[in-house]
Amino acid sequence: FLPGMVLTGLWMWKGHVLRRLISTRSAQQDAEVAGY
């Protein structure tokens, strides 16, 4: 219960930053794969 509550709280608080990091990394990986 405590770890689940902490994770959902962090996701609501800073989830937008994590989503931006994930989308940036996936865009970079797609560019690397296309270059390869």
PDB file of all heavy atoms in Angstrom:
ATOM      1  N   PHE A   1       0.807  -1.225   0.000  1.00  0.00           N
ATOM      2  CA  PHE A   1       0.000   0.000   0.000  1.00  0.00           C
ATOM      3  C   PHE A   1       0.838   1.271   0.000  1.00  0.00           C
ATOM      4  O   PHE A   1       0.574   2.193  -0.783  1.00  0.00           O
ATOM      5  CB  PHE A   1      -0.964  -0.002   1.185  1.00  0.00           C
ATOM      6  CG  PHE A   1      -1.926  -1.152   1.154  1.00  0.00           C
ATOM      7  CD1 PHE A   1      -1.958  -2.082   2.175  1.00  0.00           C
ATOM      8  CD2 PHE A   1      -2.792  -1.323   0.088  1.00  0.00           C
ATOM      9  CE1 PHE A   1      -2.831  -3.144   2.146  1.00  0.00           C
ATOM     10  CE2 PHE A   1      -3.677  -2.394   0.043  1.00  0.00           C
ATOM     11  CZ  PHE A   1      -3.689  -3.304   1.074  1.00  0.00           C
ATOM     12  N   LEU A   2       1.851   1.346   0.852  1.00  0.00           N
ATOM     13  CA  LEU A   2       2.666   2.559   0.903  1.00  0.00           C
ATOM     14  C   LEU A   2       3.452   2.788  -0.387  1.00  0.00           C
ATOM     15  O   LEU A   2       3.405   3.898  -0.940  1.00  0.00           O
ATOM     16  CB  LEU A   2       3.595   2.531   2.116  1.00  0.00           C
ATOM     17  CG  LEU A   2       4.382   3.810   2.361  1.00  0.00           C
ATOM     18  CD1 LEU A   2       3.435   4.959   2.653  1.00  0.00           C
ATOM     19  CD2 LEU A   2       5.346   3.625   3.504  1.00  0.00           C
ATOM     20  N   PRO A   3       4.172   1.784  -0.919  1.00  0.00           N
ATOM     21  CA  PRO A   3       4.860   2.030  -2.198  1.00  0.00           C
ATOM     22  C   PRO A   3       3.901   2.365  -3.347  1.00  0.00           C
ATOM     23  O   PRO A   3       4.197   3.221  -4.176  1.00  0.00           O
ATOM     24  CB  PRO A   3       5.589   0.725  -2.487  1.00  0.00           C
ATOM     25  CG  PRO A   3       5.744   0.079  -1.168  1.00  0.00           C
ATOM     26  CD  PRO A   3       4.539   0.476  -0.375  1.00  0.00           C
ATOM     27  N   GLY A   4       2.747   1.713  -3.379  1.00  0.00           N
ATOM     28  CA  GLY A   4       1.765   2.026  -4.419  1.00  0.00           C
ATOM     29  C   GLY A   4       1.261   3.448  -4.308  1.00  0.00           C
ATOM     30  O   GLY A   4       1.119   4.151  -5.317  1.00  0.00           O
ATOM     31  N   MET A   5       1.008   3.890  -3.083  1.00  0.00           N
ATOM     32  CA  MET A   5       0.540   5.258  -2.880  1.00  0.00           C
ATOM     33  C   MET A   5       1.624   6.261  -3.256  1.00  0.00           C
ATOM     34  O   MET A   5       1.349   7.284  -3.888  1.00  0.00           O
ATOM     35  CB  MET A   5       0.101   5.461  -1.433  1.00  0.00           C
ATOM     36  CG  MET A   5      -0.661   6.748  -1.231  1.00  0.00           C
ATOM     37  SD  MET A   5      -1.219   6.973   0.446  1.00  0.00           S
ATOM     38  CE  MET A   5       0.297   7.446   1.226  1.00  0.00           C
ATOM     39  N   VAL A   6       2.862   5.974  -2.904  1.00  0.00           N
ATOM     40  CA  VAL A   6       3.965   6.873  -3.255  1.00  0.00           C
ATOM     41  C   VAL A   6       4.137   6.952  -4.774  1.00  0.00           C
ATOM     42  O   VAL A   6       4.299   8.044  -5.330  1.00  0.00           O
ATOM     43  CB  VAL A   6       5.269   6.411  -2.565  1.00  0.00           C
ATOM     44  CG1 VAL A   6       6.469   7.142  -3.123  1.00  0.00           C
ATOM     45  CG2 VAL A   6       5.172   6.616  -1.060  1.00  0.00           C
ATOM     46  N   LEU A   7       4.095   5.818  -5.449  1.00  0.00           N
ATOM     47  CA  LEU A   7       4.267   5.817  -6.905  1.00  0.00           C
ATOM     48  C   LEU A   7       3.145   6.555  -7.625  1.00  0.00           C
ATOM     49  O   LEU A   7       3.401   7.315  -8.566  1.00  0.00           O
ATOM     50  CB  LEU A   7       4.377   4.389  -7.432  1.00  0.00           C
ATOM     51  CG  LEU A   7       5.687   3.682  -7.101  1.00  0.00           C
ATOM     52  CD1 LEU A   7       5.620   2.224  -7.552  1.00  0.00           C
ATOM     53  CD2 LEU A   7       6.854   4.381  -7.741  1.00  0.00           C
ATOM     54  N   THR A   8       1.914   6.352  -7.194  1.00  0.00           N
ATOM     55  CA  THR A   8       0.816   7.073  -7.852  1.00  0.00           C
ATOM     56  C   THR A   8       0.895   8.564  -7.553  1.00  0.00           C
ATOM     57  O   THR A   8       0.591   9.386  -8.412  1.00  0.00           O
ATOM     58  CB  THR A   8      -0.556   6.524  -7.435  1.00  0.00           C
ATOM     59  OG1 THR A   8      -0.687   6.567  -6.016  1.00  0.00           O
ATOM     60  CG2 THR A   8      -0.752   5.107  -7.942  1.00  0.00           C
ATOM     61  N   GLY A   9       1.308   8.910  -6.344  1.00  0.00           N
ATOM     62  CA  GLY A   9       1.474  10.329  -6.010  1.00  0.00           C
ATOM     63  C   GLY A   9       2.565  10.981  -6.836  1.00  0.00           C
ATOM     64  O   GLY A   9       2.398  12.109  -7.338  1.00  0.00           O
ATOM     65  N   LEU A  10       3.698  10.295  -6.970  1.00  0.00           N
ATOM     66  CA  LEU A  10       4.775  10.834  -7.805  1.00  0.00           C
ATOM     67  C   LEU A  10       4.358  10.926  -9.261  1.00  0.00           C
ATOM     68  O   LEU A  10       4.719  11.883  -9.961  1.00  0.00           O
ATOM     69  CB  LEU A  10       6.024   9.958  -7.675  1.00  0.00           C
ATOM     70  CG  LEU A  10       6.806  10.110  -6.377  1.00  0.00           C
ATOM     71  CD1 LEU A  10       7.908   9.072  -6.307  1.00  0.00           C
ATOM     72  CD2 LEU A  10       7.377  11.506  -6.255  1.00  0.00           C
ATOM     73  N   TRP A  11       3.601   9.954  -9.746  1.00  0.00           N
ATOM     74  CA  TRP A  11       3.149   9.997 -11.133  1.00  0.00           C
ATOM     75  C   TRP A  11       2.218  11.186 -11.354  1.00  0.00           C
ATOM     76  O   TRP A  11       2.318  11.870 -12.386  1.00  0.00           O
ATOM     77  CB  TRP A  11       2.452   8.694 -11.507  1.00  0.00           C
ATOM     78  CG  TRP A  11       2.038   8.676 -12.945  1.00  0.00           C
ATOM     79  CD1 TRP A  11       0.816   8.952 -13.456  1.00  0.00           C
ATOM     80  CD2 TRP A  11       2.890   8.399 -14.063  1.00  0.00           C
ATOM     81  NE1 TRP A  11       0.841   8.845 -14.814  1.00  0.00           N
ATOM     82  CE2 TRP A  11       2.093   8.516 -15.220  1.00  0.00           C
ATOM     83  CE3 TRP A  11       4.216   8.064 -14.189  1.00  0.00           C
ATOM     84  CZ2 TRP A  11       2.612   8.306 -16.487  1.00  0.00           C
ATOM     85  CZ3 TRP A  11       4.722   7.848 -15.456  1.00  0.00           C
ATOM     86  CH2 TRP A  11       3.920   7.974 -16.585  1.00  0.00           C
ATOM     87  N   MET A  12       1.326  11.445 -10.391  1.00  0.00           N
ATOM     88  CA  MET A  12       0.436  12.603 -10.548  1.00  0.00           C
ATOM     89  C   MET A  12       1.212  13.913 -10.456  1.00  0.00           C
ATOM     90  O   MET A  12       0.870  14.898 -11.105  1.00  0.00           O
ATOM     91  CB  MET A  12      -0.667  12.587  -9.487  1.00  0.00           C
ATOM     92  CG  MET A  12      -1.709  11.532  -9.711  1.00  0.00           C
ATOM     93  SD  MET A  12      -3.110  11.679  -8.597  1.00  0.00           S
ATOM     94  CE  MET A  12      -2.371  11.354  -7.019  1.00  0.00           C
ATOM     95  N   TRP A  13       2.279  13.933  -9.646  1.00  0.00           N
ATOM     96  CA  TRP A  13       3.032  15.150  -9.436  1.00  0.00           C
ATOM     97  C   TRP A  13       4.017  15.420 -10.574  1.00  0.00           C
ATOM     98  O   TRP A  13       4.075  16.517 -11.117  1.00  0.00           O
ATOM     99  CB  TRP A  13       3.762  15.058  -8.093  1.00  0.00           C
ATOM    100  CG  TRP A  13       4.595  16.240  -7.733  1.00  0.00           C
ATOM    101  CD1 TRP A  13       4.239  17.566  -7.792  1.00  0.00           C
ATOM    102  CD2 TRP A  13       5.931  16.212  -7.248  1.00  0.00           C
ATOM    103  NE1 TRP A  13       5.268  18.352  -7.374  1.00  0.00           N
ATOM    104  CE2 TRP A  13       6.327  17.548  -7.024  1.00  0.00           C
ATOM    105  CE3 TRP A  13       6.822  15.187  -6.967  1.00  0.00           C
ATOM    106  CZ2 TRP A  13       7.566  17.876  -6.542  1.00  0.00           C
ATOM    107  CZ3 TRP A  13       8.064  15.525  -6.470  1.00  0.00           C
ATOM    108  CH2 TRP A  13       8.430  16.853  -6.266  1.00  0.00           C
ATOM    109  N   LYS A  14       4.815  14.429 -10.938  1.00  0.00           N
ATOM    110  CA  LYS A  14       5.869  14.615 -11.929  1.00  0.00           C
ATOM    111  C   LYS A  14       5.751  13.671 -13.121  1.00  0.00           C
ATOM    112  O   LYS A  14       6.739  13.412 -13.803  1.00  0.00           O
ATOM    113  CB  LYS A  14       7.245  14.404 -11.278  1.00  0.00           C
ATOM    114  CG  LYS A  14       7.639  15.495 -10.330  1.00  0.00           C
ATOM    115  CD  LYS A  14       7.936  16.767 -11.100  1.00  0.00           C
ATOM    116  CE  LYS A  14       8.430  17.842 -10.164  1.00  0.00           C
ATOM    117  NZ  LYS A  14       8.741  19.081 -10.872  1.00  0.00           N
ATOM    118  N   GLY A  15       4.573  13.178 -13.391  1.00  0.00           N
ATOM    119  CA  GLY A  15       4.388  12.266 -14.513  1.00  0.00           C
ATOM    120  C   GLY A  15       4.649  12.918 -15.853  1.00  0.00           C
ATOM    121  O   GLY A  15       5.126  12.279 -16.780  1.00  0.00           O
ATOM    122  N   HIS A  16       4.359  14.213 -15.948  1.00  0.00           N
ATOM    123  CA  HIS A  16       4.590  14.910 -17.214  1.00  0.00           C
ATOM    124  C   HIS A  16       6.077  14.939 -17.570  1.00  0.00           C
ATOM    125  O   HIS A  16       6.445  14.846 -18.731  1.00  0.00           O
ATOM    126  CB  HIS A  16       4.019  16.327 -17.146  1.00  0.00           C
ATOM    127  CG  HIS A  16       4.687  17.206 -16.139  1.00  0.00           C
ATOM    128  ND1 HIS A  16       4.450  17.103 -14.789  1.00  0.00           N
ATOM    129  CD2 HIS A  16       5.616  18.186 -16.276  1.00  0.00           C
ATOM    130  CE1 HIS A  16       5.184  17.987 -14.146  1.00  0.00           C
ATOM    131  NE2 HIS A  16       5.906  18.658 -15.021  1.00  0.00           N
ATOM    132  N   VAL A  17       6.946  15.027 -16.567  1.00  0.00           N
ATOM    133  CA  VAL A  17       8.384  15.022 -16.826  1.00  0.00           C
ATOM    134  C   VAL A  17       8.821  13.641 -17.314  1.00  0.00           C
ATOM    135  O   VAL A  17       9.586  13.514 -18.275  1.00  0.00           O
ATOM    136  CB  VAL A  17       9.164  15.416 -15.547  1.00  0.00           C
ATOM    137  CG1 VAL A  17      10.664  15.289 -15.770  1.00  0.00           C
ATOM    138  CG2 VAL A  17       8.795  16.813 -15.107  1.00  0.00           C
ATOM    139  N   LEU A  18       8.312  12.584 -16.671  1.00  0.00           N
ATOM    140  CA  LEU A  18       8.661  11.225 -17.072  1.00  0.00           C
ATOM    141  C   LEU A  18       8.164  10.927 -18.481  1.00  0.00           C
ATOM    142  O   LEU A  18       8.879  10.333 -19.285  1.00  0.00           O
ATOM    143  CB  LEU A  18       8.087  10.221 -16.070  1.00  0.00           C
ATOM    144  CG  LEU A  18       8.436   8.770 -16.311  1.00  0.00           C
ATOM    145  CD1 LEU A  18       9.951   8.562 -16.219  1.00  0.00           C
ATOM    146  CD2 LEU A  18       7.732   7.887 -15.309  1.00  0.00           C
ATOM    147  N   ARG A  19       6.959  11.346 -18.803  1.00  0.00           N
ATOM    148  CA  ARG A  19       6.434  11.138 -20.153  1.00  0.00           C
ATOM    149  C   ARG A  19       7.278  11.866 -21.187  1.00  0.00           C
ATOM    150  O   ARG A  19       7.545  11.345 -22.271  1.00  0.00           O
ATOM    151  CB  ARG A  19       4.980  11.603 -20.237  1.00  0.00           C
ATOM    152  CG  ARG A  19       3.997  10.626 -19.648  1.00  0.00           C
ATOM    153  CD  ARG A  19       2.567  11.006 -19.955  1.00  0.00           C
ATOM    154  NE  ARG A  19       2.190  12.304 -19.414  1.00  0.00           N
ATOM    155  CZ  ARG A  19       1.728  12.497 -18.177  1.00  0.00           C
ATOM    156  NH1 ARG A  19       1.575  11.482 -17.364  1.00  0.00           N
ATOM    157  NH2 ARG A  19       1.402  13.703 -17.766  1.00  0.00           N
ATOM    158  N   ARG A  20       7.742  13.076 -20.863  1.00  0.00           N
ATOM    159  CA  ARG A  20       8.580  13.821 -21.781  1.00  0.00           C
ATOM    160  C   ARG A  20       9.926  13.121 -21.978  1.00  0.00           C
ATOM    161  O   ARG A  20      10.439  13.045 -23.091  1.00  0.00           O
ATOM    162  CB  ARG A  20       8.801  15.237 -21.258  1.00  0.00           C
ATOM    163  CG  ARG A  20       9.440  16.130 -22.275  1.00  0.00           C
ATOM    164  CD  ARG A  20       9.561  17.582 -21.871  1.00  0.00           C
ATOM    165  NE  ARG A  20       8.706  17.956 -20.763  1.00  0.00           N
ATOM    166  CZ  ARG A  20       9.085  18.789 -19.786  1.00  0.00           C
ATOM    167  NH1 ARG A  20      10.297  19.298 -19.773  1.00  0.00           N
ATOM    168  NH2 ARG A  20       8.253  19.098 -18.809  1.00  0.00           N
ATOM    169  N   LEU A  21      10.507  12.601 -20.900  1.00  0.00           N
ATOM    170  CA  LEU A  21      11.769  11.876 -21.020  1.00  0.00           C
ATOM    171  C   LEU A  21      11.619  10.620 -21.870  1.00  0.00           C
ATOM    172  O   LEU A  21      12.471  10.318 -22.702  1.00  0.00           O
ATOM    173  CB  LEU A  21      12.300  11.500 -19.634  1.00  0.00           C
ATOM    174  CG  LEU A  21      12.914  12.622 -18.819  1.00  0.00           C
ATOM    175  CD1 LEU A  21      13.231  12.125 -17.414  1.00  0.00           C
ATOM    176  CD2 LEU A  21      14.155  13.143 -19.487  1.00  0.00           C
ATOM    177  N   ILE A  22      10.521   9.894 -21.645  1.00  0.00           N
ATOM    178  CA  ILE A  22      10.285   8.668 -22.410  1.00  0.00           C
ATOM    179  C   ILE A  22      10.077   8.995 -23.886  1.00  0.00           C
ATOM    180  O   ILE A  22      10.632   8.331 -24.755  1.00  0.00           O
ATOM    181  CB  ILE A  22       9.080   7.894 -21.830  1.00  0.00           C
ATOM    182  CG1 ILE A  22       9.441   7.334 -20.460  1.00  0.00           C
ATOM    183  CG2 ILE A  22       8.652   6.783 -22.768  1.00  0.00           C
ATOM    184  CD1 ILE A  22       8.262   6.757 -19.714  1.00  0.00           C
ATOM    185  N   SER A  23       9.306  10.027 -24.185  1.00  0.00           N
ATOM    186  CA  SER A  23       9.056  10.362 -25.591  1.00  0.00           C
ATOM    187  C   SER A  23      10.319  10.893 -26.257  1.00  0.00           C
ATOM    188  O   SER A  23      10.559  10.628 -27.430  1.00  0.00           O
ATOM    189  CB  SER A  23       7.922  11.377 -25.706  1.00  0.00           C
ATOM    190  OG  SER A  23       8.311  12.615 -25.164  1.00  0.00           O
ATOM    191  N   THR A  24      11.157  11.609 -25.532  1.00  0.00           N
ATOM    192  CA  THR A  24      12.411  12.098 -26.091  1.00  0.00           C
ATOM    193  C   THR A  24      13.351  10.935 -26.384  1.00  0.00           C
ATOM    194  O   THR A  24      13.963  10.870 -27.442  1.00  0.00           O
ATOM    195  CB  THR A  24      13.096  13.085 -25.129  1.00  0.00           C
ATOM    196  OG1 THR A  24      12.203  14.147 -24.852  1.00  0.00           O
ATOM    197  CG2 THR A  24      14.373  13.638 -25.726  1.00  0.00           C
ATOM    198  N   ARG A  25      13.460  10.014 -25.458  1.00  0.00           N
ATOM    199  CA  ARG A  25      14.319   8.860 -25.670  1.00  0.00           C
ATOM    200  C   ARG A  25      13.828   8.013 -26.829  1.00  0.00           C
ATOM    201  O   ARG A  25      14.610   7.546 -27.638  1.00  0.00           O
ATOM    202  CB  ARG A  25      14.401   8.003 -24.403  1.00  0.00           C
ATOM    203  CG  ARG A  25      15.290   8.596 -23.368  1.00  0.00           C
ATOM    204  CD  ARG A  25      15.480   7.642 -22.245  1.00  0.00           C
ATOM    205  NE  ARG A  25      16.288   8.241 -21.209  1.00  0.00           N
ATOM    206  CZ  ARG A  25      16.344   7.822 -19.974  1.00  0.00           C
ATOM    207  NH1 ARG A  25      15.637   6.784 -19.600  1.00  0.00           N
ATOM    208  NH2 ARG A  25      17.101   8.425 -19.100  1.00  0.00           N
ATOM    209  N   SER A  26      12.525   7.795 -26.923  1.00  0.00           N
ATOM    210  CA  SER A  26      12.023   6.965 -28.013  1.00  0.00           C
ATOM    211  C   SER A  26      12.224   7.658 -29.354  1.00  0.00           C
ATOM    212  O   SER A  26      12.507   7.006 -30.353  1.00  0.00           O
ATOM    213  CB  SER A  26      10.552   6.616 -27.800  1.00  0.00           C
ATOM    214  OG  SER A  26       9.761   7.779 -27.849  1.00  0.00           O
ATOM    215  N   ALA A  27      12.130   8.987 -29.394  1.00  0.00           N
ATOM    216  CA  ALA A  27      12.386   9.710 -30.631  1.00  0.00           C
ATOM    217  C   ALA A  27      13.855   9.598 -31.024  1.00  0.00           C
ATOM    218  O   ALA A  27      14.187   9.417 -32.197  1.00  0.00           O
ATOM    219  CB  ALA A  27      11.986  11.167 -30.482  1.00  0.00           C
ATOM    220  N   GLN A  28      14.749   9.681 -30.020  1.00  0.00           N
ATOM    221  CA  GLN A  28      16.176   9.530 -30.307  1.00  0.00           C
ATOM    222  C   GLN A  28      16.484   8.112 -30.779  1.00  0.00           C
ATOM    223  O   GLN A  28      17.260   7.921 -31.713  1.00  0.00           O
ATOM    224  CB  GLN A  28      17.005   9.852 -29.066  1.00  0.00           C
ATOM    225  CG  GLN A  28      17.022  11.312 -28.707  1.00  0.00           C
ATOM    226  CD  GLN A  28      17.722  11.556 -27.384  1.00  0.00           C
ATOM    227  OE1 GLN A  28      18.057  10.630 -26.661  1.00  0.00           O
ATOM    228  NE2 GLN A  28      17.940  12.826 -27.071  1.00  0.00           N
ATOM    229  N   GLN A  29      15.880   7.120 -30.156  1.00  0.00           N
ATOM    230  CA  GLN A  29      16.111   5.740 -30.556  1.00  0.00           C
ATOM    231  C   GLN A  29      15.584   5.485 -31.958  1.00  0.00           C
ATOM    232  O   GLN A  29      16.214   4.771 -32.750  1.00  0.00           O
ATOM    233  CB  GLN A  29      15.477   4.782 -29.555  1.00  0.00           C
ATOM    234  CG  GLN A  29      16.199   4.750 -28.231  1.00  0.00           C
ATOM    235  CD  GLN A  29      15.454   3.931 -27.188  1.00  0.00           C
ATOM    236  OE1 GLN A  29      14.317   3.518 -27.407  1.00  0.00           O
ATOM    237  NE2 GLN A  29      16.090   3.702 -26.051  1.00  0.00           N
ATOM    238  N   ASP A  30      14.435   6.062 -32.279  1.00  0.00           N
ATOM    239  CA  ASP A  30      13.897   5.903 -33.631  1.00  0.00           C
ATOM    240  C   ASP A  30      14.842   6.523 -34.662  1.00  0.00           C
ATOM    241  O   ASP A  30      15.059   5.962 -35.740  1.00  0.00           O
ATOM    242  CB  ASP A  30      12.517   6.552 -33.738  1.00  0.00           C
ATOM    243  CG  ASP A  30      11.459   5.791 -32.958  1.00  0.00           C
ATOM    244  OD1 ASP A  30      11.721   4.623 -32.592  1.00  0.00           O
ATOM    245  OD2 ASP A  30      10.380   6.370 -32.698  1.00  0.00           O
ATOM    246  N   ALA A  31      15.423   7.674 -34.332  1.00  0.00           N
ATOM    247  CA  ALA A  31      16.357   8.329 -35.246  1.00  0.00           C
ATOM    248  C   ALA A  31      17.620   7.488 -35.406  1.00  0.00           C
ATOM    249  O   ALA A  31      18.159   7.369 -36.516  1.00  0.00           O
ATOM    250  CB  ALA A  31      16.704   9.719 -34.737  1.00  0.00           C
ATOM    251  N   GLU A  32      18.096   6.899 -34.311  1.00  0.00           N
ATOM    252  CA  GLU A  32      19.285   6.055 -34.388  1.00  0.00           C
ATOM    253  C   GLU A  32      19.015   4.813 -35.239  1.00  0.00           C
ATOM    254  O   GLU A  32      19.846   4.413 -36.045  1.00  0.00           O
ATOM    255  CB  GLU A  32      19.745   5.645 -32.993  1.00  0.00           C
ATOM    256  CG  GLU A  32      20.321   6.785 -32.181  1.00  0.00           C
ATOM    257  CD  GLU A  32      20.606   6.388 -30.744  1.00  0.00           C
ATOM    258  OE1 GLU A  32      20.373   5.212 -30.380  1.00  0.00           O
ATOM    259  OE2 GLU A  32      21.056   7.251 -29.985  1.00  0.00           O
ATOM    260  N   VAL A  33      17.856   4.211 -35.062  1.00  0.00           N
ATOM    261  CA  VAL A  33      17.504   3.019 -35.840  1.00  0.00           C
ATOM    262  C   VAL A  33      17.379   3.387 -37.315  1.00  0.00           C
ATOM    263  O   VAL A  33      17.848   2.661 -38.191  1.00  0.00           O
ATOM    264  CB  VAL A  33      16.200   2.380 -35.294  1.00  0.00           C
ATOM    265  CG1 VAL A  33      15.679   1.332 -36.251  1.00  0.00           C
ATOM    266  CG2 VAL A  33      16.443   1.808 -33.928  1.00  0.00           C
ATOM    267  N   ALA A  34      16.777   4.528 -37.612  1.00  0.00           N
ATOM    268  CA  ALA A  34      16.634   4.950 -39.000  1.00  0.00           C
ATOM    269  C   ALA A  34      18.004   5.234 -39.615  1.00  0.00           C
ATOM    270  O   ALA A  34      18.260   4.887 -40.774  1.00  0.00           O
ATOM    271  CB  ALA A  34      15.747   6.190 -39.089  1.00  0.00           C
ATOM    272  N   GLY A  35      18.898   5.854 -38.848  1.00  0.00           N
ATOM    273  CA  GLY A  35      20.248   6.111 -39.336  1.00  0.00           C
ATOM    274  C   GLY A  35      21.009   4.843 -39.584  1.00  0.00           C
ATOM    275  O   GLY A  35      21.767   4.711 -40.552  1.00  0.00           O
ATOM    276  N   TYR A  36      20.832   3.863 -38.719  1.00  0.00           N
ATOM    277  CA  TYR A  36      21.508   2.562 -38.881  1.00  0.00           C
ATOM    278  C   TYR A  36      20.973   1.849 -40.117  1.00  0.00           C
ATOM    279  O   TYR A  36      21.726   1.226 -40.860  1.00  0.00           O
ATOM    280  CB  TYR A  36      21.283   1.711 -37.633  1.00  0.00           C
ATOM    281  CG  TYR A  36      21.917   0.349 -37.731  1.00  0.00           C
ATOM    282  CD1 TYR A  36      23.290   0.191 -37.620  1.00  0.00           C
ATOM    283  CD2 TYR A  36      21.136  -0.797 -37.959  1.00  0.00           C
ATOM    284  CE1 TYR A  36      23.884  -1.052 -37.733  1.00  0.00           C
ATOM    285  CE2 TYR A  36      21.713  -2.040 -38.062  1.00  0.00           C
ATOM    286  CZ  TYR A  36      23.086  -2.169 -37.949  1.00  0.00           C
ATOM    287  OH  TYR A  36      23.662  -3.398 -38.033  1.00  0.00           O
TER     288      TYR A  36
END
